[in-house]
């Protein structure tokens, strides 16, 4: 082993250095190890090889003495450049908008904590680890939030800046096991009965189908098949599609709602408010897709809002905050104590299915869980099995 490089890797490291030396000198910041690794990634070189190439060039730079070293200067990018490149890379890899927004928020917070951009792997590792400790000790964030921050910053450092990070393993930190709160069927019924239109249908669908809130709000007209009594969830968590049976009790309300929604859409077409966001390049492939009835959201916002990029007036789906506030108010009016949020209805959907005798693999498929272990939590929150009695109750027996 030489300079920390295993003997069997030396030929590979030497090969990467020879390849890097042949890169034309185009000025400061263009011939850095980071830029070299990014250029390899653009050539579809596997990620592990890009990291190995970066490490080889970095070691050579640290040990070399000569004119070539003077030409190869490690650039110190500012945070605005790092953020711009990272966002572009995430979009190019088709990460969801929610994931991109979350990752960029963590990079923004980290840039405030560490105003100077790290220029080498050891410094980046130290700063990121220090920030994660800060989140746990000073900010008292939950392990799940810290895990998201860790993933975002590791993505930035490894894939965007070409660093080899050395961070503590996730398993070394304490991860609490929280059980979701579950409402009784009668309580859910009381909440739904207290909803006005169209909230009764929206929350009824979430409880009756187990939607995530983002999936429900992004539901399009073409995703509903009332004849087959099936709804298709497009690009759910993990960019996976799944199908869920529609509750029979919601078929007629859905038909009536869609008729009212179509009238609203027809008015929006005349006023120029009917455009919606469509995936990928469909707007270019199909000229009418953005304003077609099939691509309209099942639930439209009460009033049109301006698009943040084009400044056009459009009828979005209801904002998440409005949905959460509405459910909280309805639950309070129904006399339900404690925190009530939309995801609680999804937990109730799964738990009540388990209590009804539906198998865990079937519930897993309906929920869109990647692992069965995620679904098994509902075994722990279901109602007590019939016939099991507490020892305290047995004391009162004659």
Protein backbone atom coordinates (compact mmCIF):
# COMPACT_ATOMS: atom_id res chain seq x y z
CA UNK A 1 0.00 0.00 0.00
CA UNK A 2 1.38 3.35 -1.05
CA UNK A 3 -0.07 6.77 -0.13
CA UNK A 4 -3.14 4.94 1.18
CA UNK A 5 -3.77 3.24 -2.17
CA UNK A 6 -3.94 -0.59 -2.15
CA UNK A 7 -1.32 -2.18 -4.40
CA UNK A 8 -3.87 -3.78 -6.71
CA UNK A 9 -5.44 -0.36 -7.38
CA UNK A 10 -2.20 1.41 -8.34
CA UNK A 11 -2.42 0.55 -12.08
CA UNK A 12 -5.97 1.90 -12.21
CA UNK A 13 -4.99 5.10 -10.41
CA UNK A 14 -2.06 5.55 -12.78
CA UNK A 15 -4.36 5.07 -15.76
CA UNK A 16 -6.73 7.77 -14.51
CA UNK A 17 -3.84 10.21 -14.00
CA UNK A 18 -2.56 9.62 -17.54
CA UNK A 19 -6.08 10.23 -18.87
CA UNK A 20 -6.41 13.42 -16.83
CA UNK A 21 -3.05 14.78 -17.99
CA UNK A 22 -4.29 14.62 -21.58
CA UNK A 23 -7.21 16.99 -20.78
CA UNK A 24 -6.55 20.35 -22.53
CA UNK A 25 -5.71 23.24 -20.20
CA UNK A 26 -8.61 25.66 -20.56
CA UNK A 27 -8.03 27.81 -17.50
CA UNK A 28 -8.59 27.87 -13.75
CA UNK A 29 -11.50 25.77 -12.60
CA UNK A 30 -11.77 23.65 -15.76
CA UNK A 31 -9.07 21.06 -15.00
CA UNK A 32 -9.82 20.28 -11.39
CA UNK A 33 -10.45 16.78 -10.02
CA UNK A 34 -14.08 17.75 -9.57
CA UNK A 35 -14.45 18.87 -13.19
CA UNK A 36 -12.65 15.72 -14.38
CA UNK A 37 -15.04 13.50 -12.41
CA UNK A 38 -18.07 15.38 -13.78
CA UNK A 39 -16.79 15.01 -17.34
CA UNK A 40 -16.45 11.27 -16.83
CA UNK A 41 -19.97 11.10 -15.43
CA UNK A 42 -21.23 12.91 -18.53
CA UNK A 43 -19.54 10.19 -20.61
CA UNK A 44 -21.66 7.59 -18.75
CA UNK A 45 -18.68 6.27 -16.77
CA UNK A 46 -19.94 4.32 -13.71
CA UNK A 47 -20.15 6.37 -10.52
CA UNK A 48 -17.58 4.29 -8.61
CA UNK A 49 -15.04 4.82 -11.38
CA UNK A 50 -15.70 8.59 -11.33
CA UNK A 51 -14.95 8.62 -7.61
CA UNK A 52 -11.81 6.54 -8.15
CA UNK A 53 -10.62 8.91 -10.89
CA UNK A 54 -11.23 11.92 -8.63
CA UNK A 55 -9.28 10.29 -5.80
CA UNK A 56 -6.36 9.39 -8.09
CA UNK A 57 -6.01 12.91 -9.46
CA UNK A 58 -6.39 14.45 -6.00
CA UNK A 59 -3.59 12.27 -4.56
CA UNK A 60 -1.36 13.06 -7.52
CA UNK A 61 -1.94 16.81 -7.10
CA UNK A 62 -1.11 16.65 -3.40
CA UNK A 63 2.15 14.79 -4.06
CA UNK A 64 3.34 16.27 -7.36
CA UNK A 65 5.90 19.04 -7.64
CA UNK A 66 6.28 20.62 -11.07
CA UNK A 67 4.96 22.91 -13.75
CA UNK A 68 1.90 20.76 -14.40
CA UNK A 69 0.76 21.23 -10.83
CA UNK A 70 0.83 24.98 -11.33
CA UNK A 71 -1.48 24.64 -14.32
CA UNK A 72 -3.98 22.38 -12.56
CA UNK A 73 -5.53 24.68 -9.93
CA UNK A 74 -8.28 23.50 -7.65
CA UNK A 75 -11.19 25.87 -8.15
CA UNK A 76 -13.13 27.18 -5.20
CA UNK A 77 -16.70 27.52 -6.44
CA UNK A 78 -19.16 29.64 -4.52
CA UNK A 79 -22.39 28.16 -3.16
CA UNK A 80 -24.57 29.68 -5.88
CA UNK A 81 -22.66 27.71 -8.52
CA UNK A 82 -22.83 24.50 -6.50
CA UNK A 83 -26.59 24.88 -5.96
CA UNK A 84 -27.27 25.68 -9.61
CA UNK A 85 -25.32 22.65 -10.84
CA UNK A 86 -26.83 20.36 -8.23
CA UNK A 87 -30.40 21.35 -9.08
CA UNK A 88 -29.70 20.85 -12.78
CA UNK A 89 -28.19 17.41 -12.10
CA UNK A 90 -31.17 16.33 -9.97
CA UNK A 91 -33.57 17.42 -12.70
CA UNK A 92 -31.52 15.62 -15.35
CA UNK A 93 -31.78 12.40 -13.32
CA UNK A 94 -35.58 12.86 -13.07
CA UNK A 95 -35.77 13.23 -9.30
CA UNK A 96 -39.23 14.27 -8.13
CA UNK A 97 -39.93 17.95 -7.56
CA UNK A 98 -40.56 17.25 -3.88
CA UNK A 99 -37.16 15.54 -3.50
CA UNK A 100 -35.37 18.32 -5.39
CA UNK A 101 -37.01 20.97 -3.22
CA UNK A 102 -36.10 19.08 -0.03
CA UNK A 103 -32.47 18.51 -1.08
CA UNK A 104 -31.98 22.12 -2.14
CA UNK A 105 -33.41 23.39 1.15
CA UNK A 106 -30.85 21.32 3.06
CA UNK A 107 -28.02 22.62 0.88
CA UNK A 108 -29.23 26.19 1.57
CA UNK A 109 -29.15 25.56 5.31
CA UNK A 110 -25.73 23.91 5.13
CA UNK A 111 -24.32 26.86 3.15
CA UNK A 112 -25.41 29.17 5.99
CA UNK A 113 -23.69 26.88 8.50
CA UNK A 114 -20.55 26.60 6.33
CA UNK A 115 -20.20 29.83 4.29
CA UNK A 116 -16.96 28.71 2.58
CA UNK A 117 -17.29 25.88 0.06
CA UNK A 118 -15.05 22.91 1.02
CA UNK A 119 -12.30 22.22 -1.52
CA UNK A 120 -11.25 18.72 -0.48
CA UNK A 121 -12.79 15.50 0.80
CA UNK A 122 -11.50 15.58 4.38
CA UNK A 123 -12.73 19.11 5.00
CA UNK A 124 -16.13 18.34 3.45
CA UNK A 125 -16.52 15.22 5.60
CA UNK A 126 -15.68 17.13 8.78
CA UNK A 127 -18.06 19.99 8.03
CA UNK A 128 -20.96 17.75 7.02
CA UNK A 129 -20.51 15.55 10.08
CA UNK A 130 -20.29 18.63 12.29
CA UNK A 131 -23.52 19.95 10.75
CA UNK A 132 -25.35 16.65 11.32
CA UNK A 133 -24.31 16.72 14.98
CA UNK A 134 -25.52 20.34 15.14
CA UNK A 135 -28.94 19.26 13.83
CA UNK A 136 -29.20 16.52 16.44
CA UNK A 137 -27.82 18.33 19.49
CA UNK A 138 -28.68 22.01 18.94
CA UNK A 139 -31.72 21.84 16.68
CA UNK A 140 -33.09 18.62 18.24
CA UNK A 141 -34.32 17.33 14.91
CA UNK A 142 -35.73 13.84 14.54
CA UNK A 143 -33.56 11.00 13.17
CA UNK A 144 -35.67 10.90 9.99
CA UNK A 145 -35.04 14.60 9.28
CA UNK A 146 -31.32 14.16 9.93
CA UNK A 147 -31.28 11.18 7.56
CA UNK A 148 -32.78 13.32 4.78
CA UNK A 149 -30.18 16.04 5.42
CA UNK A 150 -27.42 13.43 5.36
CA UNK A 151 -28.63 12.04 2.03
CA UNK A 152 -28.91 15.50 0.47
CA UNK A 153 -25.45 16.63 1.54
CA UNK A 154 -23.84 13.31 0.60
CA UNK A 155 -25.40 13.58 -2.86
CA UNK A 156 -24.05 17.11 -3.22
CA UNK A 157 -20.53 16.24 -2.05
CA UNK A 158 -20.11 12.93 -3.86
CA UNK A 159 -21.97 13.39 -7.13
CA UNK A 160 -21.66 17.12 -7.67
CA UNK A 161 -18.32 18.02 -6.08
CA UNK A 162 -16.56 14.67 -6.55
CA UNK A 163 -15.53 14.21 -2.90
CA UNK A 164 -14.92 10.94 -1.10
CA UNK A 165 -16.90 11.35 2.13
CA UNK A 166 -16.22 9.61 5.42
CA UNK A 167 -19.34 9.93 7.59
CA UNK A 168 -20.60 8.02 10.58
CA UNK A 169 -22.86 5.14 9.67
CA UNK A 170 -26.59 5.77 10.02
CA UNK A 171 -26.90 2.77 12.28
CA UNK A 172 -24.71 4.39 14.94
CA UNK A 173 -27.40 6.96 15.73
CA UNK A 174 -30.52 6.17 17.72
CA UNK A 175 -33.64 5.62 15.64
CA UNK A 176 -36.89 5.66 17.56
CA UNK A 177 -39.75 3.41 16.51
CA UNK A 178 -42.88 5.53 16.40
CA UNK A 179 -46.30 3.96 15.98
CA UNK A 180 -48.86 5.93 13.96
CA UNK A 181 -52.01 7.15 15.62
CA UNK A 182 -55.16 5.36 14.44
CA UNK A 183 -58.80 6.50 14.63
CA UNK A 184 -61.74 4.17 15.13
CA UNK A 185 -64.07 3.63 12.17
CA UNK A 186 -66.84 5.52 13.97
CA UNK A 187 -64.53 8.52 14.46
CA UNK A 188 -63.56 8.57 10.78
CA UNK A 189 -67.24 8.39 9.83
CA UNK A 190 -68.00 11.34 12.11
CA UNK A 191 -65.25 13.41 10.49
CA UNK A 192 -66.40 12.61 6.94
CA UNK A 193 -70.02 13.39 7.77
CA UNK A 194 -68.94 16.83 9.00
CA UNK A 195 -67.24 17.72 5.70
CA UNK A 196 -68.82 19.98 3.11
CA UNK A 197 -68.47 19.46 -0.64
CA UNK A 198 -66.00 18.73 -2.16
CA UNK A 199 -64.04 17.98 1.01
CA UNK A 200 -66.24 14.98 1.84
CA UNK A 201 -65.23 13.42 -1.47
CA UNK A 202 -61.54 14.36 -1.16
CA UNK A 203 -61.11 13.00 2.36
CA UNK A 204 -63.38 10.05 1.52
CA UNK A 205 -61.04 9.11 -1.32
CA UNK A 206 -57.99 9.44 0.89
CA UNK A 207 -59.48 7.19 3.56
CA UNK A 208 -61.13 4.83 1.08
CA UNK A 209 -58.05 4.38 -1.14
CA UNK A 210 -55.09 5.14 1.12
CA UNK A 211 -53.70 8.00 -0.97
CA UNK A 212 -50.71 10.02 0.06
CA UNK A 213 -51.77 13.67 0.03
CA UNK A 214 -49.52 14.60 -2.91
CA UNK A 215 -50.86 11.64 -4.91
CA UNK A 216 -54.45 12.66 -4.26
CA UNK A 217 -53.94 16.31 -5.17
CA UNK A 218 -52.13 15.36 -8.39
CA UNK A 219 -54.87 12.92 -9.42
CA UNK A 220 -55.96 13.53 -13.04
CA UNK A 221 -59.36 12.85 -14.64
CA UNK A 222 -57.91 10.15 -16.92
CA UNK A 223 -56.64 8.22 -13.87
CA UNK A 224 -60.22 7.42 -12.83
CA UNK A 225 -61.92 4.40 -14.41
CA UNK A 226 -65.43 4.46 -13.00
CA UNK A 227 -66.61 1.53 -15.14
CA UNK A 228 -63.91 -0.81 -13.86
CA UNK A 229 -64.05 0.89 -10.43
CA UNK A 230 -60.29 1.45 -10.40
CA UNK A 231 -58.06 4.47 -9.81
CA UNK A 232 -54.45 4.54 -11.02
CA UNK A 233 -51.83 6.37 -8.99
CA UNK A 234 -49.20 7.73 -11.38
CA UNK A 235 -45.59 8.33 -10.35
CA UNK A 236 -46.12 7.67 -6.66
CA UNK A 237 -43.28 7.49 -4.16
CA UNK A 238 -40.27 5.96 -5.88
CA UNK A 239 -41.80 6.91 -9.27
CA UNK A 240 -44.01 3.80 -9.16
CA UNK A 241 -47.55 3.38 -10.50
CA UNK A 242 -50.18 1.32 -8.71
CA UNK A 243 -53.90 0.64 -8.96
CA UNK A 244 -56.46 0.85 -6.15
CA UNK A 245 -60.13 -0.22 -6.20
CA UNK A 246 -62.57 2.66 -5.88
CA UNK A 247 -65.09 2.39 -3.03
CA UNK A 248 -68.59 1.71 -4.40
CA UNK A 249 -70.09 4.37 -2.14
CA UNK A 250 -68.03 7.05 -3.91
CA UNK A 251 -68.95 6.20 -7.53
CA UNK A 252 -72.05 8.38 -7.72
CA UNK A 253 -70.49 11.31 -5.82
CA UNK A 254 -67.47 11.08 -8.14
CA UNK A 255 -69.65 11.19 -11.27
CA UNK A 256 -71.51 14.24 -9.95
CA UNK A 257 -68.25 15.94 -8.95
CA UNK A 258 -66.70 15.33 -12.38
CA UNK A 259 -69.73 16.87 -14.08
CA UNK A 260 -69.35 20.02 -11.97
CA UNK A 261 -65.59 19.99 -12.50
CA UNK A 262 -66.10 19.78 -16.29
CA UNK A 263 -68.32 22.86 -16.26
CA UNK A 264 -65.63 24.72 -14.32
CA UNK A 265 -63.00 23.53 -16.83
CA UNK A 266 -65.09 24.70 -19.79
CA UNK A 267 -65.22 28.17 -18.26
CA UNK A 268 -61.47 28.08 -17.60
CA UNK A 269 -60.81 27.24 -21.26
CA UNK A 270 -62.65 30.38 -22.35
CA UNK A 271 -60.79 32.52 -19.81
CA UNK A 272 -57.36 31.00 -20.52
CA UNK A 273 -57.01 29.40 -17.09
CA UNK A 274 -57.18 25.73 -18.17
CA UNK A 275 -53.44 25.00 -18.52
CA UNK A 276 -51.96 22.37 -16.21
CA UNK A 277 -48.46 20.97 -15.81
CA UNK A 278 -47.95 17.71 -17.72
CA UNK A 279 -45.04 15.28 -17.32
CA UNK A 280 -41.83 15.52 -19.31
CA UNK A 281 -42.23 16.71 -22.93
CA UNK A 282 -45.91 15.92 -23.44
CA UNK A 283 -46.70 19.62 -23.85
CA UNK A 284 -44.48 19.65 -26.95
CA UNK A 285 -45.61 16.29 -28.30
CA UNK A 286 -49.32 16.98 -27.90
CA UNK A 287 -50.24 20.62 -28.37
CA UNK A 288 -53.58 20.34 -26.56
CA UNK A 289 -52.41 18.22 -23.62
CA UNK A 290 -51.96 21.17 -21.24
CA UNK A 291 -55.58 22.27 -21.62
CA UNK A 292 -57.29 18.91 -22.30
CA UNK A 293 -59.99 17.58 -20.00
CA UNK A 294 -58.14 14.27 -19.48
CA UNK A 295 -55.14 15.99 -17.85
CA UNK A 296 -57.14 18.24 -15.52
CA UNK A 297 -56.82 17.72 -11.79
CA UNK A 298 -59.81 15.94 -10.29
CA UNK A 299 -59.87 18.54 -7.52
CA UNK A 300 -59.44 22.12 -8.66
CA UNK A 301 -58.45 25.08 -6.50
CA UNK A 302 -61.21 27.50 -5.46
CA UNK A 303 -59.58 30.26 -7.51
CA UNK A 304 -56.85 30.50 -10.17
CA UNK A 305 -53.30 31.28 -9.07
CA UNK A 306 -50.27 32.55 -10.97
CA UNK A 307 -47.67 30.10 -12.22
CA UNK A 308 -44.32 30.86 -10.52
CA UNK A 309 -42.37 30.58 -13.81
CA UNK A 310 -44.70 31.83 -16.54
CA UNK A 311 -46.84 34.17 -14.39
CA UNK A 312 -49.94 32.76 -16.13
CA UNK A 313 -53.19 32.35 -14.24
CA UNK A 314 -53.98 28.66 -13.79
CA UNK A 315 -56.40 26.63 -11.71
CA UNK A 316 -54.10 24.51 -9.60
CA UNK A 317 -55.20 21.76 -7.27
CA UNK A 318 -55.92 22.96 -3.70
CA UNK A 319 -52.82 23.94 -1.75
CA UNK A 320 -51.66 21.42 0.85
CA UNK A 321 -51.97 23.95 3.66
CA UNK A 322 -55.62 24.54 2.82
CA UNK A 323 -56.29 20.79 2.87
CA UNK A 324 -54.56 20.32 6.21
CA UNK A 325 -56.29 23.31 7.80
CA UNK A 326 -59.69 22.13 6.57
CA UNK A 327 -59.28 18.62 7.98
CA UNK A 328 -58.03 20.01 11.29
CA UNK A 329 -61.06 22.29 11.56
CA UNK A 330 -63.55 19.57 10.65
CA UNK A 331 -62.00 17.14 13.13
CA UNK A 332 -62.17 19.77 15.90
CA UNK A 333 -65.84 20.42 15.09
CA UNK A 334 -66.46 16.66 15.30
CA UNK A 335 -64.99 16.58 18.79
CA UNK A 336 -61.83 14.67 17.84
CA UNK A 337 -58.95 15.53 20.14
CA UNK A 338 -55.28 15.40 19.24
CA UNK A 339 -53.52 16.16 15.99
CA UNK A 340 -55.49 15.12 12.90
CA UNK A 341 -53.74 15.38 9.53
CA UNK A 342 -54.37 13.93 6.03
CA UNK A 343 -51.74 11.18 6.35
CA UNK A 344 -53.63 9.91 9.39
CA UNK A 345 -56.46 8.86 7.06
CA UNK A 346 -53.96 6.80 5.04
CA UNK A 347 -52.82 5.05 8.25
CA UNK A 348 -56.46 4.36 9.12
CA UNK A 349 -57.07 2.88 5.66
CA UNK A 350 -54.25 0.35 6.08
CA UNK A 351 -55.04 -0.52 9.70
CA UNK A 352 -58.75 -1.05 9.08
CA UNK A 353 -57.90 -3.32 6.13
CA UNK A 354 -55.67 -5.44 8.39
CA UNK A 355 -58.42 -5.55 11.00
CA UNK A 356 -60.80 -6.67 8.25
CA UNK A 357 -58.65 -9.68 7.43
CA UNK A 358 -56.81 -8.40 4.32
CA UNK A 359 -53.36 -9.99 4.03
CA UNK A 360 -50.23 -7.90 4.57
CA UNK A 361 -48.89 -8.41 1.00
CA UNK A 362 -52.18 -7.09 -0.40
CA UNK A 363 -52.08 -4.09 1.92
CA UNK A 364 -48.46 -3.49 0.93
CA UNK A 365 -49.45 -3.40 -2.74
CA UNK A 366 -52.37 -1.03 -2.13
CA UNK A 367 -50.20 1.29 -0.04
CA UNK A 368 -47.33 1.30 -2.54
CA UNK A 369 -44.75 0.25 0.06
CA UNK A 370 -41.39 -0.95 -1.26
CA UNK A 371 -40.81 -3.26 1.73
CA UNK A 372 -43.19 -5.51 3.66
CA UNK A 373 -41.52 -4.37 6.91
CA UNK A 374 -43.03 -0.92 6.38
CA UNK A 375 -46.52 -2.41 6.18
CA UNK A 376 -46.03 -4.61 9.24
CA UNK A 377 -46.31 -1.57 11.54
CA UNK A 378 -50.09 -1.81 11.12
CA UNK A 379 -50.04 -5.16 12.89
CA UNK A 380 -48.95 -3.31 16.02
CA UNK A 381 -51.68 -0.64 15.92
CA UNK A 382 -54.70 -2.75 15.01
CA UNK A 383 -57.45 -3.18 17.57
CA UNK A 384 -56.96 -5.92 20.19
CA UNK A 385 -57.69 -9.39 18.86
CA UNK A 386 -61.12 -10.64 19.85
CA UNK A 387 -60.97 -13.06 22.74
CA UNK A 388 -57.78 -11.73 24.35
CA UNK A 389 -58.54 -10.41 27.84
CA UNK A 390 -56.37 -8.38 30.19
CA UNK A 391 -55.31 -10.08 33.44
CA UNK A 392 -56.95 -7.17 35.26
CA UNK A 393 -60.31 -8.04 33.74
CA UNK A 394 -59.83 -11.66 34.74
CA UNK A 395 -59.53 -10.60 38.40
CA UNK A 396 -63.16 -9.49 38.38
CA UNK A 397 -64.39 -12.91 37.22
CA UNK A 398 -66.22 -14.91 39.90
